[in-house]
Amino acid sequence: MNFIYAIILGIVQGLTEFLPVSSSGHLAVVGSFLDVDQPGILFETLLHAGTVFAVVWYLRDRIIRITTKEIGLVLFGSIPAGLVGLLLASQIEGLFSMLKLVGVAFLVTAFLNYQTDKSSGKREQLDIYDALAIGVLQAIAIIPGISRSGSTIFAGSRMNLTKTAAAEFSFLLSIPAIIGANLYEFLKYSGGGDFSLSLGAVGFVAAFASGLFAINFLITMLTERNLKVFSIYLVVVGIMTILFI
């Protein structure tokens, strides 16, 4: 792996973690397309750390004001994905090599984005039922190709939340989800794999910068009802993945 590949993976991770297009699906497809050695769990952990720093920086004022109730909702909403990740880890890992399935999952995400674009929720405050519904969709998004942000914002919109409120909770929910998943992988593989600190630093910066851009861009697209752009993109990528990869 070289610096160009590290930058590419960092940008792909940062953009697709928060844009409703699936980071896991894109990393699986891009890794297969570039046909290079996998970078190892330490490098992947740094990429995800970059996206965590991006969302914490974006929500820094909101996090400072967060209430005990809201922390409880985030933790409660994180339970479904945590259980699925722990109980079905080996089965989930096998899905990453099934690129035809990833292509189908891209099409599912396209449909979810299309439905979210049509929603017009009114509620700003979440309750425990909202957190559970959004958490269940986050658990389903462990399947590569199903977007975590796309599915959780869709769930929030189905619960009559405004898109902004749904997106904000989705971003907050991403913090324990990303940290938990990567801590599990790091401990499981004991940080194995070749690792270059300089390549890791480059990937981290690329993931942070692109992640911050993606969050701002997604909020703009939500307010302007333009998620159909992502739907069209995912239909094209999904069909190409199914037919040609």
C-alpha atoms as a PDB file:
ATOM      1  CA  MET A   1       0.000   0.000   0.000  1.00  0.00           C
ATOM      2  CA  ASN A   2       1.239   3.489  -0.838  1.00  0.00           C
ATOM      3  CA  PHE A   3       0.229   7.055   0.041  1.00  0.00           C
ATOM      4  CA  ILE A   4      -2.183   7.371  -2.884  1.00  0.00           C
ATOM      5  CA  TYR A   5      -4.038   4.240  -1.834  1.00  0.00           C
ATOM      6  CA  ALA A   6      -4.106   5.457   1.797  1.00  0.00           C
ATOM      7  CA  ILE A   7      -5.621   8.782   0.685  1.00  0.00           C
ATOM      8  CA  ILE A   8      -8.177   7.024  -1.528  1.00  0.00           C
ATOM      9  CA  LEU A   9      -9.277   4.720   1.286  1.00  0.00           C
ATOM     10  CA  GLY A  10      -9.432   7.656   3.726  1.00  0.00           C
ATOM     11  CA  ILE A  11     -11.594   9.713   1.373  1.00  0.00           C
ATOM     12  CA  VAL A  12     -13.865   6.761   0.587  1.00  0.00           C
ATOM     13  CA  GLN A  13     -14.269   6.025   4.303  1.00  0.00           C
ATOM     14  CA  GLY A  14     -14.948   9.642   5.264  1.00  0.00           C
ATOM     15  CA  LEU A  15     -17.445  10.334   2.491  1.00  0.00           C
ATOM     16  CA  THR A  16     -19.370   7.085   2.671  1.00  0.00           C
ATOM     17  CA  GLU A  17     -19.529   6.858   6.478  1.00  0.00           C
ATOM     18  CA  PHE A  18     -21.939   9.791   6.643  1.00  0.00           C
ATOM     19  CA  LEU A  19     -23.343  10.118   3.134  1.00  0.00           C
ATOM     20  CA  PRO A  20     -26.227   7.643   2.727  1.00  0.00           C
ATOM     21  CA  VAL A  21     -24.330   5.310   0.379  1.00  0.00           C
ATOM     22  CA  SER A  22     -22.680   2.709   2.724  1.00  0.00           C
ATOM     23  CA  SER A  23     -19.022   2.929   3.691  1.00  0.00           C
ATOM     24  CA  SER A  24     -18.667  -0.826   4.186  1.00  0.00           C
ATOM     25  CA  GLY A  25     -20.103  -1.577   0.763  1.00  0.00           C
ATOM     26  CA  HIS A  26     -17.870   0.947  -0.951  1.00  0.00           C
ATOM     27  CA  LEU A  27     -14.725  -0.219   0.828  1.00  0.00           C
ATOM     28  CA  ALA A  28     -15.505  -3.807  -0.205  1.00  0.00           C
ATOM     29  CA  VAL A  29     -16.028  -2.812  -3.842  1.00  0.00           C
ATOM     30  CA  VAL A  30     -13.100  -0.365  -4.018  1.00  0.00           C
ATOM     31  CA  GLY A  31     -10.769  -2.880  -2.370  1.00  0.00           C
ATOM     32  CA  SER A  32     -11.775  -5.513  -4.916  1.00  0.00           C
ATOM     33  CA  PHE A  33     -11.470  -3.088  -7.833  1.00  0.00           C
ATOM     34  CA  LEU A  34      -8.008  -1.829  -6.871  1.00  0.00           C
ATOM     35  CA  ASP A  35      -6.872  -5.417  -6.211  1.00  0.00           C
ATOM     36  CA  VAL A  36      -4.280  -4.560  -3.586  1.00  0.00           C
ATOM     37  CA  ASP A  37      -3.393  -6.086  -0.247  1.00  0.00           C
ATOM     38  CA  GLN A  38      -5.717  -5.202   2.594  1.00  0.00           C
ATOM     39  CA  PRO A  39      -4.202  -2.493   4.837  1.00  0.00           C
ATOM     40  CA  GLY A  40      -4.718  -4.274   8.149  1.00  0.00           C
ATOM     41  CA  ILE A  41      -6.869  -3.603  11.177  1.00  0.00           C
ATOM     42  CA  LEU A  42      -4.650  -0.852  12.623  1.00  0.00           C
ATOM     43  CA  PHE A  43      -4.953   1.218   9.461  1.00  0.00           C
ATOM     44  CA  GLU A  44      -8.704   0.612   9.266  1.00  0.00           C
ATOM     45  CA  THR A  45      -9.045   1.641  12.900  1.00  0.00           C
ATOM     46  CA  LEU A  46      -7.307   4.943  12.154  1.00  0.00           C
ATOM     47  CA  LEU A  47      -9.640   5.571   9.214  1.00  0.00           C
ATOM     48  CA  HIS A  48     -12.637   5.099  11.468  1.00  0.00           C
ATOM     49  CA  ALA A  49     -11.023   7.247  14.159  1.00  0.00           C
ATOM     50  CA  GLY A  50     -10.832  10.024  11.568  1.00  0.00           C
ATOM     51  CA  THR A  51     -14.586   9.800  10.955  1.00  0.00           C
ATOM     52  CA  VAL A  52     -15.308   9.767  14.708  1.00  0.00           C
ATOM     53  CA  PHE A  53     -13.250  12.932  15.149  1.00  0.00           C
ATOM     54  CA  ALA A  54     -15.175  14.485  12.243  1.00  0.00           C
ATOM     55  CA  VAL A  55     -18.606  13.881  13.797  1.00  0.00           C
ATOM     56  CA  VAL A  56     -17.439  14.930  17.286  1.00  0.00           C
ATOM     57  CA  TRP A  57     -16.028  18.145  15.848  1.00  0.00           C
ATOM     58  CA  TYR A  58     -19.216  18.846  13.884  1.00  0.00           C
ATOM     59  CA  LEU A  59     -21.432  18.196  16.936  1.00  0.00           C
ATOM     60  CA  ARG A  60     -19.057  19.681  19.527  1.00  0.00           C
ATOM     61  CA  ASP A  61     -21.495  22.371  20.702  1.00  0.00           C
ATOM     62  CA  ARG A  62     -24.358  19.856  20.753  1.00  0.00           C
ATOM     63  CA  ILE A  63     -22.317  17.305  22.688  1.00  0.00           C
ATOM     64  CA  ILE A  64     -21.397  19.880  25.329  1.00  0.00           C
ATOM     65  CA  ARG A  65     -25.120  20.514  25.925  1.00  0.00           C
ATOM     66  CA  ILE A  66     -26.218  16.865  25.800  1.00  0.00           C
ATOM     67  CA  THR A  67     -28.533  15.768  28.628  1.00  0.00           C
ATOM     68  CA  THR A  68     -28.517  12.571  30.645  1.00  0.00           C
ATOM     69  CA  LYS A  69     -31.739  11.513  28.918  1.00  0.00           C
ATOM     70  CA  GLU A  70     -30.183  11.966  25.487  1.00  0.00           C
ATOM     71  CA  ILE A  71     -27.119   9.961  26.490  1.00  0.00           C
ATOM     72  CA  GLY A  72     -29.485   7.208  27.620  1.00  0.00           C
ATOM     73  CA  LEU A  73     -31.292   7.265  24.262  1.00  0.00           C
ATOM     74  CA  VAL A  74     -27.999   6.994  22.376  1.00  0.00           C
ATOM     75  CA  LEU A  75     -26.878   4.050  24.516  1.00  0.00           C
ATOM     76  CA  PHE A  76     -30.291   2.360  24.213  1.00  0.00           C
ATOM     77  CA  GLY A  77     -30.305   2.864  20.451  1.00  0.00           C
ATOM     78  CA  SER A  78     -26.839   1.286  20.260  1.00  0.00           C
ATOM     79  CA  ILE A  79     -27.924  -2.021  21.809  1.00  0.00           C
ATOM     80  CA  PRO A  80     -29.375  -3.721  18.675  1.00  0.00           C
ATOM     81  CA  ALA A  81     -26.249  -3.177  16.571  1.00  0.00           C
ATOM     82  CA  GLY A  82     -24.039  -4.229  19.470  1.00  0.00           C
ATOM     83  CA  LEU A  83     -25.920  -7.500  19.895  1.00  0.00           C
ATOM     84  CA  VAL A  84     -25.910  -8.273  16.184  1.00  0.00           C
ATOM     85  CA  GLY A  85     -22.215  -7.476  15.910  1.00  0.00           C
ATOM     86  CA  LEU A  86     -21.284  -9.734  18.824  1.00  0.00           C
ATOM     87  CA  LEU A  87     -23.583 -12.661  18.032  1.00  0.00           C
ATOM     88  CA  LEU A  88     -23.229 -12.746  14.239  1.00  0.00           C
ATOM     89  CA  ALA A  89     -19.666 -11.477  13.731  1.00  0.00           C
ATOM     90  CA  SER A  90     -18.401 -14.407  11.640  1.00  0.00           C
ATOM     91  CA  GLN A  91     -21.490 -14.447   9.417  1.00  0.00           C
ATOM     92  CA  ILE A  92     -21.214 -10.695   8.859  1.00  0.00           C
ATOM     93  CA  GLU A  93     -17.545 -10.952   7.867  1.00  0.00           C
ATOM     94  CA  GLY A  94     -18.484 -13.462   5.188  1.00  0.00           C
ATOM     95  CA  LEU A  95     -20.882 -10.989   3.582  1.00  0.00           C
ATOM     96  CA  PHE A  96     -18.032  -8.648   2.580  1.00  0.00           C
ATOM     97  CA  SER A  97     -16.809 -11.103  -0.059  1.00  0.00           C
ATOM     98  CA  MET A  98     -20.315 -11.537  -1.536  1.00  0.00           C
ATOM     99  CA  LEU A  99     -20.192  -8.567  -3.890  1.00  0.00           C
ATOM    100  CA  LYS A 100     -23.431  -9.478  -5.671  1.00  0.00           C
ATOM    101  CA  LEU A 101     -25.209  -9.182  -2.317  1.00  0.00           C
ATOM    102  CA  VAL A 102     -23.488  -5.839  -1.746  1.00  0.00           C
ATOM    103  CA  GLY A 103     -24.913  -4.684  -5.079  1.00  0.00           C
ATOM    104  CA  VAL A 104     -28.430  -5.679  -4.047  1.00  0.00           C
ATOM    105  CA  ALA A 105     -27.949  -3.908  -0.708  1.00  0.00           C
ATOM    106  CA  PHE A 106     -26.963  -0.733  -2.596  1.00  0.00           C
ATOM    107  CA  LEU A 107     -30.348  -0.887  -4.348  1.00  0.00           C
ATOM    108  CA  VAL A 108     -32.124  -1.266  -0.992  1.00  0.00           C
ATOM    109  CA  THR A 109     -30.335   1.837   0.301  1.00  0.00           C
ATOM    110  CA  ALA A 110     -31.372   3.709  -2.842  1.00  0.00           C
ATOM    111  CA  PHE A 111     -35.001   2.900  -2.027  1.00  0.00           C
ATOM    112  CA  LEU A 112     -34.609   4.046   1.601  1.00  0.00           C
ATOM    113  CA  ASN A 113     -33.122   7.362   0.467  1.00  0.00           C
ATOM    114  CA  TYR A 114     -35.972   7.867  -1.988  1.00  0.00           C
ATOM    115  CA  GLN A 115     -38.539   7.293   0.764  1.00  0.00           C
ATOM    116  CA  THR A 116     -36.730   9.646   3.155  1.00  0.00           C
ATOM    117  CA  ASP A 117     -36.787  12.388   0.527  1.00  0.00           C
ATOM    118  CA  LYS A 118     -40.602  12.210   0.483  1.00  0.00           C
ATOM    119  CA  SER A 119     -41.033  12.433   4.269  1.00  0.00           C
ATOM    120  CA  SER A 120     -42.075  15.557   6.135  1.00  0.00           C
ATOM    121  CA  GLY A 121     -41.801  14.775   9.836  1.00  0.00           C
ATOM    122  CA  LYS A 122     -42.682  17.413  12.417  1.00  0.00           C
ATOM    123  CA  ARG A 123     -41.273  16.184  15.742  1.00  0.00           C
ATOM    124  CA  GLU A 124     -37.944  17.438  17.088  1.00  0.00           C
ATOM    125  CA  GLN A 125     -37.720  15.474  20.359  1.00  0.00           C
ATOM    126  CA  LEU A 126     -36.964  11.744  20.417  1.00  0.00           C
ATOM    127  CA  ASP A 127     -38.383   9.166  22.829  1.00  0.00           C
ATOM    128  CA  ILE A 128     -37.317   5.620  23.658  1.00  0.00           C
ATOM    129  CA  TYR A 129     -39.416   4.139  20.829  1.00  0.00           C
ATOM    130  CA  ASP A 130     -37.674   6.367  18.296  1.00  0.00           C
ATOM    131  CA  ALA A 131     -34.279   5.304  19.652  1.00  0.00           C
ATOM    132  CA  LEU A 132     -35.253   1.628  19.401  1.00  0.00           C
ATOM    133  CA  ALA A 133     -36.561   1.918  15.830  1.00  0.00           C
ATOM    134  CA  ILE A 134     -33.487   3.817  14.680  1.00  0.00           C
ATOM    135  CA  GLY A 135     -31.244   1.369  16.550  1.00  0.00           C
ATOM    136  CA  VAL A 136     -32.830  -1.644  14.833  1.00  0.00           C
ATOM    137  CA  LEU A 137     -32.217  -0.088  11.413  1.00  0.00           C
ATOM    138  CA  GLN A 138     -28.628   0.630  12.425  1.00  0.00           C
ATOM    139  CA  ALA A 139     -28.244  -3.057  13.250  1.00  0.00           C
ATOM    140  CA  ILE A 140     -29.558  -4.038   9.825  1.00  0.00           C
ATOM    141  CA  ALA A 141     -27.051  -1.615   8.280  1.00  0.00           C
ATOM    142  CA  ILE A 142     -24.232  -3.903   9.440  1.00  0.00           C
ATOM    143  CA  ILE A 143     -24.890  -5.649   6.121  1.00  0.00           C
ATOM    144  CA  PRO A 144     -22.370  -4.144   3.647  1.00  0.00           C
ATOM    145  CA  GLY A 145     -24.177  -1.997   1.114  1.00  0.00           C
ATOM    146  CA  ILE A 146     -26.904  -0.910   3.555  1.00  0.00           C
ATOM    147  CA  SER A 147     -26.018   2.628   4.592  1.00  0.00           C
ATOM    148  CA  ARG A 148     -25.925   3.243   8.345  1.00  0.00           C
ATOM    149  CA  SER A 149     -26.732   6.943   7.969  1.00  0.00           C
ATOM    150  CA  GLY A 150     -29.290   6.315   5.237  1.00  0.00           C
ATOM    151  CA  SER A 151     -31.155   3.629   7.160  1.00  0.00           C
ATOM    152  CA  THR A 152     -31.153   5.450  10.511  1.00  0.00           C
ATOM    153  CA  ILE A 153     -32.328   8.738   9.008  1.00  0.00           C
ATOM    154  CA  PHE A 154     -35.016   6.783   7.137  1.00  0.00           C
ATOM    155  CA  ALA A 155     -36.133   5.200  10.426  1.00  0.00           C
ATOM    156  CA  GLY A 156     -36.287   8.590  12.115  1.00  0.00           C
ATOM    157  CA  SER A 157     -38.324  10.049   9.281  1.00  0.00           C
ATOM    158  CA  ARG A 158     -40.761   7.097   9.522  1.00  0.00           C
ATOM    159  CA  MET A 159     -41.205   7.965  13.209  1.00  0.00           C
ATOM    160  CA  ASN A 160     -42.337  11.463  12.162  1.00  0.00           C
ATOM    161  CA  LEU A 161     -39.102  13.156  13.199  1.00  0.00           C
ATOM    162  CA  THR A 162     -37.805  16.073  11.182  1.00  0.00           C
ATOM    163  CA  LYS A 163     -34.918  15.152   8.922  1.00  0.00           C
ATOM    164  CA  THR A 164     -32.593  17.398  10.898  1.00  0.00           C
ATOM    165  CA  ALA A 165     -33.505  15.713  14.193  1.00  0.00           C
ATOM    166  CA  ALA A 166     -33.173  12.262  12.624  1.00  0.00           C
ATOM    167  CA  ALA A 167     -29.793  13.143  11.136  1.00  0.00           C
ATOM    168  CA  GLU A 168     -28.475  14.604  14.390  1.00  0.00           C
ATOM    169  CA  PHE A 169     -29.411  11.459  16.315  1.00  0.00           C
ATOM    170  CA  SER A 170     -27.921   9.334  13.542  1.00  0.00           C
ATOM    171  CA  PHE A 171     -24.620  11.197  13.883  1.00  0.00           C
ATOM    172  CA  LEU A 172     -24.651  10.844  17.685  1.00  0.00           C
ATOM    173  CA  LEU A 173     -25.443   7.138  17.324  1.00  0.00           C
ATOM    174  CA  SER A 174     -22.495   6.719  14.974  1.00  0.00           C
ATOM    175  CA  ILE A 175     -19.976   7.562  17.717  1.00  0.00           C
ATOM    176  CA  PRO A 176     -20.468   4.458  19.923  1.00  0.00           C
ATOM    177  CA  ALA A 177     -21.183   2.341  16.829  1.00  0.00           C
ATOM    178  CA  ILE A 178     -17.885   3.163  15.109  1.00  0.00           C
ATOM    179  CA  ILE A 179     -15.838   3.040  18.312  1.00  0.00           C
ATOM    180  CA  GLY A 180     -17.420  -0.236  19.455  1.00  0.00           C
ATOM    181  CA  ALA A 181     -17.059  -2.014  16.124  1.00  0.00           C
ATOM    182  CA  ASN A 182     -13.446  -1.034  15.715  1.00  0.00           C
ATOM    183  CA  LEU A 183     -12.516  -1.812  19.309  1.00  0.00           C
ATOM    184  CA  TYR A 184     -13.955  -5.293  18.798  1.00  0.00           C
ATOM    185  CA  GLU A 185     -12.005  -5.795  15.571  1.00  0.00           C
ATOM    186  CA  PHE A 186      -8.800  -4.443  17.119  1.00  0.00           C
ATOM    187  CA  LEU A 187      -9.021  -6.768  20.120  1.00  0.00           C
ATOM    188  CA  LYS A 188     -10.020  -9.739  17.986  1.00  0.00           C
ATOM    189  CA  TYR A 189      -7.075  -9.423  15.635  1.00  0.00           C
ATOM    190  CA  SER A 190      -4.702  -7.975  18.246  1.00  0.00           C
ATOM    191  CA  GLY A 191      -3.845  -5.095  15.896  1.00  0.00           C
ATOM    192  CA  GLY A 192      -2.477  -7.556  13.370  1.00  0.00           C
ATOM    193  CA  GLY A 193      -1.294  -6.708   9.888  1.00  0.00           C
ATOM    194  CA  ASP A 194       1.429  -4.589   8.405  1.00  0.00           C
ATOM    195  CA  PHE A 195       1.228  -0.999   9.549  1.00  0.00           C
ATOM    196  CA  SER A 196       2.930   2.240   8.617  1.00  0.00           C
ATOM    197  CA  LEU A 197       2.433   5.195  10.955  1.00  0.00           C
ATOM    198  CA  SER A 198       2.886   7.686   8.112  1.00  0.00           C
ATOM    199  CA  LEU A 199       0.294   5.923   5.938  1.00  0.00           C
ATOM    200  CA  GLY A 200      -2.048   5.731   8.908  1.00  0.00           C
ATOM    201  CA  ALA A 201      -1.676   9.459   9.561  1.00  0.00           C
ATOM    202  CA  VAL A 202      -2.432  10.260   5.915  1.00  0.00           C
ATOM    203  CA  GLY A 203      -5.508   8.019   5.967  1.00  0.00           C
ATOM    204  CA  PHE A 204      -6.696   9.566   9.238  1.00  0.00           C
ATOM    205  CA  VAL A 205      -6.470  13.136   7.901  1.00  0.00           C
ATOM    206  CA  ALA A 206      -8.173  12.171   4.637  1.00  0.00           C
ATOM    207  CA  ALA A 207     -11.011  10.429   6.526  1.00  0.00           C
ATOM    208  CA  PHE A 208     -11.440  13.374   8.925  1.00  0.00           C
ATOM    209  CA  ALA A 209     -11.549  16.027   6.192  1.00  0.00           C
ATOM    210  CA  SER A 210     -13.816  14.078   3.863  1.00  0.00           C
ATOM    211  CA  GLY A 211     -16.054  13.033   6.778  1.00  0.00           C
ATOM    212  CA  LEU A 212     -16.547  16.627   7.866  1.00  0.00           C
ATOM    213  CA  PHE A 213     -17.384  17.606   4.305  1.00  0.00           C
ATOM    214  CA  ALA A 214     -19.822  14.687   4.008  1.00  0.00           C
ATOM    215  CA  ILE A 215     -21.736  15.651   7.159  1.00  0.00           C
ATOM    216  CA  ASN A 216     -22.211  19.247   6.017  1.00  0.00           C
ATOM    217  CA  PHE A 217     -23.143  18.121   2.514  1.00  0.00           C
ATOM    218  CA  LEU A 218     -25.702  15.603   3.791  1.00  0.00           C
ATOM    219  CA  ILE A 219     -27.430  18.214   5.972  1.00  0.00           C
ATOM    220  CA  THR A 220     -27.694  20.506   2.943  1.00  0.00           C
ATOM    221  CA  MET A 221     -29.117  17.726   0.776  1.00  0.00           C
ATOM    222  CA  LEU A 222     -31.645  16.767   3.464  1.00  0.00           C
ATOM    223  CA  THR A 223     -32.985  20.296   3.832  1.00  0.00           C
ATOM    224  CA  GLU A 224     -33.229  20.684   0.060  1.00  0.00           C
ATOM    225  CA  ARG A 225     -34.925  17.274  -0.420  1.00  0.00           C
ATOM    226  CA  ASN A 226     -32.195  16.092  -2.743  1.00  0.00           C
ATOM    227  CA  LEU A 227     -31.518  12.587  -1.440  1.00  0.00           C
ATOM    228  CA  LYS A 228     -32.748  11.318  -4.782  1.00  0.00           C
ATOM    229  CA  VAL A 229     -29.267  12.201  -6.079  1.00  0.00           C
ATOM    230  CA  PHE A 230     -27.879   9.470  -3.822  1.00  0.00           C
ATOM    231  CA  SER A 231     -30.661   7.116  -4.891  1.00  0.00           C
ATOM    232  CA  ILE A 232     -29.756   7.515  -8.554  1.00  0.00           C
ATOM    233  CA  TYR A 233     -26.055   7.064  -7.769  1.00  0.00           C
ATOM    234  CA  LEU A 234     -26.712   3.880  -5.778  1.00  0.00           C
ATOM    235  CA  VAL A 235     -28.927   2.390  -8.461  1.00  0.00           C
ATOM    236  CA  VAL A 236     -26.085   2.827 -10.965  1.00  0.00           C
ATOM    237  CA  VAL A 237     -23.424   1.508  -8.562  1.00  0.00           C
ATOM    238  CA  GLY A 238     -25.646  -1.360  -7.431  1.00  0.00           C
ATOM    239  CA  ILE A 239     -26.389  -2.531 -10.967  1.00  0.00           C
ATOM    240  CA  MET A 240     -22.736  -2.235 -11.979  1.00  0.00           C
ATOM    241  CA  THR A 241     -21.666  -4.202  -8.906  1.00  0.00           C
ATOM    242  CA  ILE A 242     -24.153  -6.972  -9.646  1.00  0.00           C
ATOM    243  CA  LEU A 243     -23.309  -7.197 -13.332  1.00  0.00           C
ATOM    244  CA  PHE A 244     -19.595  -6.486 -13.626  1.00  0.00           C
ATOM    245  CA  ILE A 245     -17.762  -7.011 -10.315  1.00  0.00           C
END
